[in-house]
Amino acid sequence: MQSMTGYGRYRVCRDGRELTIELKAVNHRFLDLSFRIPRNISFLEDVLRSSLNQGELSRGHVDVFVTYQNMRMDTRNVQIDVALLGAFNQALKTAKNELQDYKRPVATDVLSLSGALQIAQADEDVDEVTALANEAISGALAELTMMRSREGEHLANDLLGRLLELAQLRERVLVKAPAVPQEYRSRLTSRLEEWELHAVDAQRVAQEVAIMADRCAIDEELSRLESHITQFERIIKQEAEVGRKLDFLLQEMNREVNTIGSKASDAEIAQIVVDAKCVIEKLREQVQNAV
């Protein structure tokens, strides 16, 4: 079991190039990738997206940060705009004729004043940078997966603890449920005595109690709830991608608990149902972070 929350970072240095990839993952229903990549290596987005889609990630919002440095000698191109330099030279000749005090500029002055000297970023070697990125994304993904697994262990322990609490609440309802019809009989008998209706047919009282017992029977709901709890525990302990399955089971658990609350007609069971619904809500909050 893995959590959707995690962080991974990996740096690769080779042949004067340095590339670092950071992955930050948080909750999301599906796999949602967001990239921050320098413009000069923007071609990496498709490469990284393909690696992440084919990797172990299946859910979560993942921010992908890429930083890159090229410290090689051939990282920049020096260019001279010859046409601009010619126009500037012509302007200098005009200035010489118009100005009385004129000092002929040296080449560095001409290049800096004219803007004819241009230093441009050289095109990156796609194959070399892609090789660095593939190595970095593999390392960052491994770190992210490791952290998500560690978080998943803590998440699983928390879920199992709350699941045990829900199972104990179910047991309390199971113990209490058989006594509900008898308590109803006692209340009915006391009410009849209070009203001094001593001639009421005992068979009629028994029928009324039987109808009530049938109406508030919750054996099936308790049985299904037990089955859901068992499945929930098995999935946590045995499966990897559990989030959607656990979320579905929690919906079913909530449905059974609601039905128990509406049918039980007992104050103590009603309070247990409230406690059970609180536990289910806490389970749901935690399951939102499970892959």
Protein backbone atom coordinates (compact mmCIF):
# COMPACT_ATOMS: atom_id res chain seq x y z
CA MET A 1 0.00 0.00 0.00
CA GLN A 2 1.27 3.45 -0.92
CA SER A 3 0.36 6.99 0.03
CA MET A 4 -0.13 9.58 -2.71
CA THR A 5 2.07 12.03 -0.79
CA GLY A 6 5.80 11.92 -1.43
CA TYR A 7 8.97 13.62 -2.63
CA GLY A 8 11.89 12.47 -4.76
CA ARG A 9 15.03 14.23 -6.03
CA TYR A 10 17.91 13.07 -8.18
CA ARG A 11 20.87 14.88 -9.75
CA VAL A 12 23.04 13.71 -12.66
CA CYS A 13 26.35 15.33 -13.70
CA ARG A 14 28.23 14.27 -16.83
CA ASP A 15 30.46 15.88 -19.49
CA GLY A 16 29.98 19.40 -18.20
CA ARG A 17 26.20 19.10 -17.92
CA GLU A 18 24.18 18.97 -14.71
CA LEU A 19 20.48 18.07 -14.58
CA THR A 20 18.31 17.75 -11.47
CA ILE A 21 14.73 16.49 -11.28
CA GLU A 22 12.45 16.96 -8.27
CA LEU A 23 9.07 15.22 -7.90
CA LYS A 24 6.45 16.41 -5.42
CA ALA A 25 3.24 14.36 -5.17
CA VAL A 26 -0.03 15.11 -3.38
CA ASN A 27 -3.62 13.79 -3.48
CA HIS A 28 -5.61 13.65 -6.71
CA ARG A 29 -8.27 11.32 -8.11
CA PHE A 30 -6.21 10.56 -11.21
CA LEU A 31 -2.58 10.91 -12.33
CA ASP A 32 -2.10 14.63 -12.99
CA LEU A 33 1.37 15.81 -14.10
CA SER A 34 2.61 19.40 -14.02
CA PHE A 35 6.02 20.38 -15.46
CA ARG A 36 8.46 23.22 -14.77
CA ILE A 37 11.23 22.93 -17.36
CA PRO A 38 13.73 25.53 -18.69
CA ARG A 39 12.75 26.71 -22.16
CA ASN A 40 15.97 25.58 -23.84
CA ILE A 41 15.28 21.95 -22.87
CA SER A 42 11.48 22.00 -23.16
CA PHE A 43 11.72 18.98 -25.47
CA LEU A 44 12.13 16.89 -22.30
CA GLU A 45 8.47 17.21 -21.31
CA ASP A 46 7.29 14.44 -23.64
CA VAL A 47 10.16 12.21 -22.52
CA LEU A 48 9.42 12.71 -18.83
CA ARG A 49 5.65 12.43 -19.25
CA SER A 50 6.10 9.10 -21.02
CA SER A 51 8.42 7.79 -18.28
CA LEU A 52 6.02 8.78 -15.50
CA ASN A 53 2.95 7.38 -17.26
CA GLN A 54 4.72 4.06 -17.77
CA GLY A 55 6.16 3.99 -14.25
CA GLU A 56 4.64 3.00 -10.93
CA LEU A 57 2.55 6.15 -10.53
CA SER A 58 -1.17 5.65 -11.03
CA ARG A 59 -2.80 8.44 -8.98
CA GLY A 60 -1.88 11.81 -7.51
CA HIS A 61 -0.96 15.31 -8.60
CA VAL A 62 2.79 15.33 -9.34
CA ASP A 63 4.82 18.51 -9.83
CA VAL A 64 7.95 17.88 -11.91
CA PHE A 65 10.73 20.47 -11.48
CA VAL A 66 13.75 20.32 -13.81
CA THR A 67 16.89 22.43 -13.33
CA TYR A 68 19.74 22.34 -15.85
CA GLN A 69 23.22 23.78 -16.21
CA ASN A 70 25.54 23.50 -19.20
CA MET A 71 29.12 24.40 -18.25
CA ARG A 72 30.77 23.24 -21.46
CA MET A 73 32.89 25.55 -23.65
CA ASP A 74 30.52 25.14 -26.58
CA THR A 75 27.45 26.18 -24.62
CA ARG A 76 27.28 29.62 -26.32
CA ASN A 77 27.73 30.97 -29.85
CA VAL A 78 29.39 34.34 -30.51
CA GLN A 79 27.98 36.10 -33.58
CA ILE A 80 28.59 39.47 -35.24
CA ASP A 81 25.83 41.26 -37.11
CA VAL A 82 27.86 42.40 -40.13
CA ALA A 83 25.06 44.53 -41.60
CA LEU A 84 24.53 46.35 -38.31
CA LEU A 85 28.28 46.84 -37.95
CA GLY A 86 28.44 48.39 -41.44
CA ALA A 87 25.61 50.79 -40.67
CA PHE A 88 27.33 51.78 -37.42
CA ASN A 89 30.61 52.36 -39.28
CA GLN A 90 28.83 54.65 -41.74
CA ALA A 91 27.35 56.57 -38.83
CA LEU A 92 30.84 56.99 -37.38
CA LYS A 93 32.05 58.53 -40.62
CA THR A 94 29.16 60.99 -40.53
CA ALA A 95 29.94 61.81 -36.93
CA LYS A 96 33.61 62.43 -37.83
CA ASN A 97 32.60 65.02 -40.43
CA GLU A 98 30.16 66.77 -38.11
CA LEU A 99 32.18 66.83 -34.90
CA GLN A 100 35.29 68.91 -34.43
CA ASP A 101 36.81 66.78 -31.68
CA TYR A 102 36.74 63.22 -32.84
CA LYS A 103 38.56 60.21 -31.47
CA ARG A 104 38.49 57.15 -33.61
CA PRO A 105 36.94 54.26 -31.57
CA VAL A 106 38.65 50.94 -31.17
CA ALA A 107 37.00 47.65 -32.16
CA THR A 108 35.73 46.91 -28.65
CA ASP A 109 34.00 50.30 -28.53
CA VAL A 110 32.36 49.72 -31.88
CA LEU A 111 31.13 46.24 -30.96
CA SER A 112 29.75 47.25 -27.57
CA LEU A 113 28.13 50.51 -28.75
CA SER A 114 26.62 49.10 -31.90
CA GLY A 115 25.21 45.92 -30.36
CA ALA A 116 26.57 44.00 -33.33
CA LEU A 117 28.24 41.47 -31.02
CA GLN A 118 25.69 38.85 -29.97
CA ILE A 119 26.23 35.94 -27.59
CA ALA A 120 23.51 33.33 -28.08
CA GLN A 121 22.74 30.08 -26.26
CA ALA A 122 23.81 27.16 -28.40
CA ASP A 123 21.27 24.45 -29.22
CA GLU A 124 21.45 21.62 -26.73
CA ASP A 125 22.46 18.12 -27.72
CA VAL A 126 19.05 16.42 -27.56
CA ASP A 127 20.41 12.90 -27.20
CA GLU A 128 22.85 13.77 -24.42
CA VAL A 129 20.33 15.82 -22.43
CA THR A 130 17.64 13.16 -22.90
CA ALA A 131 20.03 10.51 -21.56
CA LEU A 132 20.65 12.65 -18.46
CA ALA A 133 16.91 13.19 -18.00
CA ASN A 134 16.12 9.47 -18.26
CA GLU A 135 18.68 8.69 -15.59
CA ALA A 136 17.49 11.52 -13.34
CA ILE A 137 13.78 10.68 -13.63
CA SER A 138 14.49 7.04 -12.78
CA GLY A 139 16.36 8.06 -9.63
CA ALA A 140 13.79 10.66 -8.58
CA LEU A 141 10.94 8.23 -9.19
CA ALA A 142 12.67 5.56 -7.10
CA GLU A 143 13.04 8.01 -4.20
CA LEU A 144 9.42 9.16 -4.55
CA THR A 145 8.17 5.57 -4.58
CA MET A 146 10.23 4.72 -1.51
CA MET A 147 8.82 7.66 0.42
CA ARG A 148 5.26 6.89 -0.69
CA SER A 149 5.72 3.31 0.51
CA ARG A 150 6.93 4.49 3.93
CA GLU A 151 3.99 6.87 4.18
CA GLY A 152 1.74 4.03 3.03
CA GLU A 153 2.85 1.85 5.96
CA HIS A 154 1.86 4.54 8.45
CA LEU A 155 -1.41 5.07 6.59
CA ALA A 156 -2.18 1.33 6.61
CA ASN A 157 -1.55 1.10 10.36
CA ASP A 158 -3.86 4.04 11.00
CA LEU A 159 -6.59 2.54 8.80
CA LEU A 160 -6.33 -0.85 10.50
CA GLY A 161 -6.59 0.78 13.92
CA ARG A 162 -9.75 2.66 12.95
CA LEU A 163 -11.12 -0.45 11.26
CA LEU A 164 -10.72 -2.36 14.53
CA GLU A 165 -12.66 0.41 16.27
CA LEU A 166 -15.47 0.03 13.71
CA ALA A 167 -15.49 -3.76 14.17
CA GLN A 168 -15.79 -3.31 17.96
CA LEU A 169 -18.76 -0.96 17.48
CA ARG A 170 -20.40 -3.56 15.25
CA GLU A 171 -19.91 -6.20 17.96
CA ARG A 172 -21.64 -3.94 20.47
CA VAL A 173 -24.64 -3.64 18.15
CA LEU A 174 -24.62 -7.41 17.58
CA VAL A 175 -24.78 -8.03 21.33
CA LYS A 176 -27.44 -5.41 21.91
CA ALA A 177 -29.75 -6.24 18.96
CA PRO A 178 -31.41 -9.43 20.38
CA ALA A 179 -32.50 -7.56 23.50
CA VAL A 180 -34.36 -4.85 21.57
CA PRO A 181 -37.64 -6.86 21.06
CA GLN A 182 -37.65 -7.96 24.72
CA GLU A 183 -37.20 -4.38 25.86
CA TYR A 184 -40.03 -3.37 23.54
CA ARG A 185 -42.25 -6.08 25.11
CA SER A 186 -41.42 -4.79 28.58
CA ARG A 187 -42.19 -1.21 27.62
CA LEU A 188 -45.46 -2.26 25.95
CA THR A 189 -46.53 -4.33 28.96
CA SER A 190 -45.70 -1.50 31.34
CA ARG A 191 -47.66 0.93 29.22
CA LEU A 192 -50.72 -1.37 29.17
CA GLU A 193 -50.54 -1.76 32.95
CA GLU A 194 -50.21 1.98 33.30
CA TRP A 195 -53.38 2.39 31.29
CA GLU A 196 -55.02 -0.41 33.35
CA LEU A 197 -55.79 -2.46 30.24
CA HIS A 198 -55.66 -5.84 31.98
CA ALA A 199 -57.95 -7.59 29.53
CA VAL A 200 -55.61 -7.27 26.54
CA ASP A 201 -55.09 -10.57 24.73
CA ALA A 202 -51.61 -11.95 25.38
CA GLN A 203 -51.53 -13.36 21.87
CA ARG A 204 -52.15 -9.87 20.46
CA VAL A 205 -49.26 -8.53 22.49
CA ALA A 206 -47.02 -11.33 21.20
CA GLN A 207 -48.00 -10.49 17.60
CA GLU A 208 -47.20 -6.82 18.12
CA VAL A 209 -43.80 -7.71 19.55
CA ALA A 210 -43.14 -10.10 16.63
CA ILE A 211 -44.02 -7.42 14.06
CA MET A 212 -41.76 -4.95 15.79
CA ALA A 213 -38.93 -7.52 16.00
CA ASP A 214 -39.22 -8.19 12.26
CA ARG A 215 -39.25 -4.48 11.45
CA CYS A 216 -36.10 -3.74 13.46
CA ALA A 217 -34.18 -6.90 12.47
CA ILE A 218 -30.65 -5.91 11.45
CA ASP A 219 -29.01 -9.32 11.10
CA GLU A 220 -28.42 -8.93 7.36
CA GLU A 221 -26.96 -5.46 7.71
CA LEU A 222 -24.60 -6.62 10.47
CA SER A 223 -23.52 -9.59 8.35
CA ARG A 224 -22.78 -7.40 5.32
CA LEU A 225 -20.94 -4.89 7.48
CA GLU A 226 -18.75 -7.69 8.84
CA SER A 227 -18.01 -8.81 5.28
CA HIS A 228 -17.04 -5.27 4.25
CA ILE A 229 -14.74 -4.93 7.25
CA THR A 230 -13.04 -8.24 6.41
CA GLN A 231 -12.56 -7.24 2.77
CA PHE A 232 -11.23 -3.82 3.80
CA GLU A 233 -8.59 -5.43 6.00
CA ARG A 234 -7.60 -7.98 3.34
CA ILE A 235 -7.17 -5.29 0.67
CA ILE A 236 -4.97 -3.15 2.92
CA LYS A 237 -2.68 -6.07 3.72
CA GLN A 238 -2.47 -7.75 0.30
CA GLU A 239 -2.97 -5.25 -2.53
CA ALA A 240 -1.00 -2.30 -3.92
CA GLU A 241 -3.49 0.04 -5.60
CA VAL A 242 -6.23 0.15 -2.99
CA GLY A 243 -7.68 3.68 -2.96
CA ARG A 244 -10.72 3.23 -5.21
CA LYS A 245 -11.63 -0.18 -3.76
CA LEU A 246 -11.45 1.08 -0.18
CA ASP A 247 -13.49 4.14 -1.06
CA PHE A 248 -16.21 1.92 -2.54
CA LEU A 249 -16.25 -0.31 0.56
CA LEU A 250 -16.59 2.73 2.80
CA GLN A 251 -19.65 3.82 0.84
CA GLU A 252 -21.16 0.36 1.41
CA MET A 253 -20.25 0.42 5.10
CA ASN A 254 -21.89 3.81 5.50
CA ARG A 255 -25.04 2.53 3.78
CA GLU A 256 -25.28 -0.49 6.14
CA VAL A 257 -24.68 1.65 9.23
CA ASN A 258 -27.36 4.13 8.14
CA THR A 259 -29.83 1.27 7.65
CA ILE A 260 -29.00 -0.14 11.08
CA GLY A 261 -29.65 3.27 12.61
CA SER A 262 -33.00 3.66 10.88
CA LYS A 263 -34.24 0.15 11.75
CA ALA A 264 -32.89 -0.49 15.23
CA SER A 265 -35.35 1.68 17.23
CA ASP A 266 -33.02 1.72 20.22
CA ALA A 267 -31.30 4.69 21.86
CA GLU A 268 -28.08 2.82 22.68
CA ILE A 269 -27.76 1.42 19.16
CA ALA A 270 -28.51 4.88 17.75
CA GLN A 271 -25.54 6.27 19.71
CA ILE A 272 -23.30 3.44 18.51
CA VAL A 273 -24.37 4.22 14.94
CA VAL A 274 -23.32 7.85 15.40
CA ASP A 275 -19.91 6.71 16.66
CA ALA A 276 -19.59 4.27 13.74
CA LYS A 277 -20.38 6.97 11.20
CA CYS A 278 -17.68 9.18 12.74
CA VAL A 279 -15.14 6.35 12.39
CA ILE A 280 -16.17 5.75 8.76
CA GLU A 281 -15.74 9.45 8.00
CA LYS A 282 -12.22 9.36 9.48
CA LEU A 283 -11.46 6.28 7.40
CA ARG A 284 -12.71 8.06 4.28
CA GLU A 285 -10.47 11.06 4.96
CA GLN A 286 -7.44 8.80 5.24
CA VAL A 287 -8.35 6.68 2.22
CA GLN A 288 -8.31 9.84 0.07
CA ASN A 289 -4.53 9.73 0.43
CA ALA A 290 -4.15 6.08 -0.61
CA VAL A 291 -3.00 5.18 -4.11
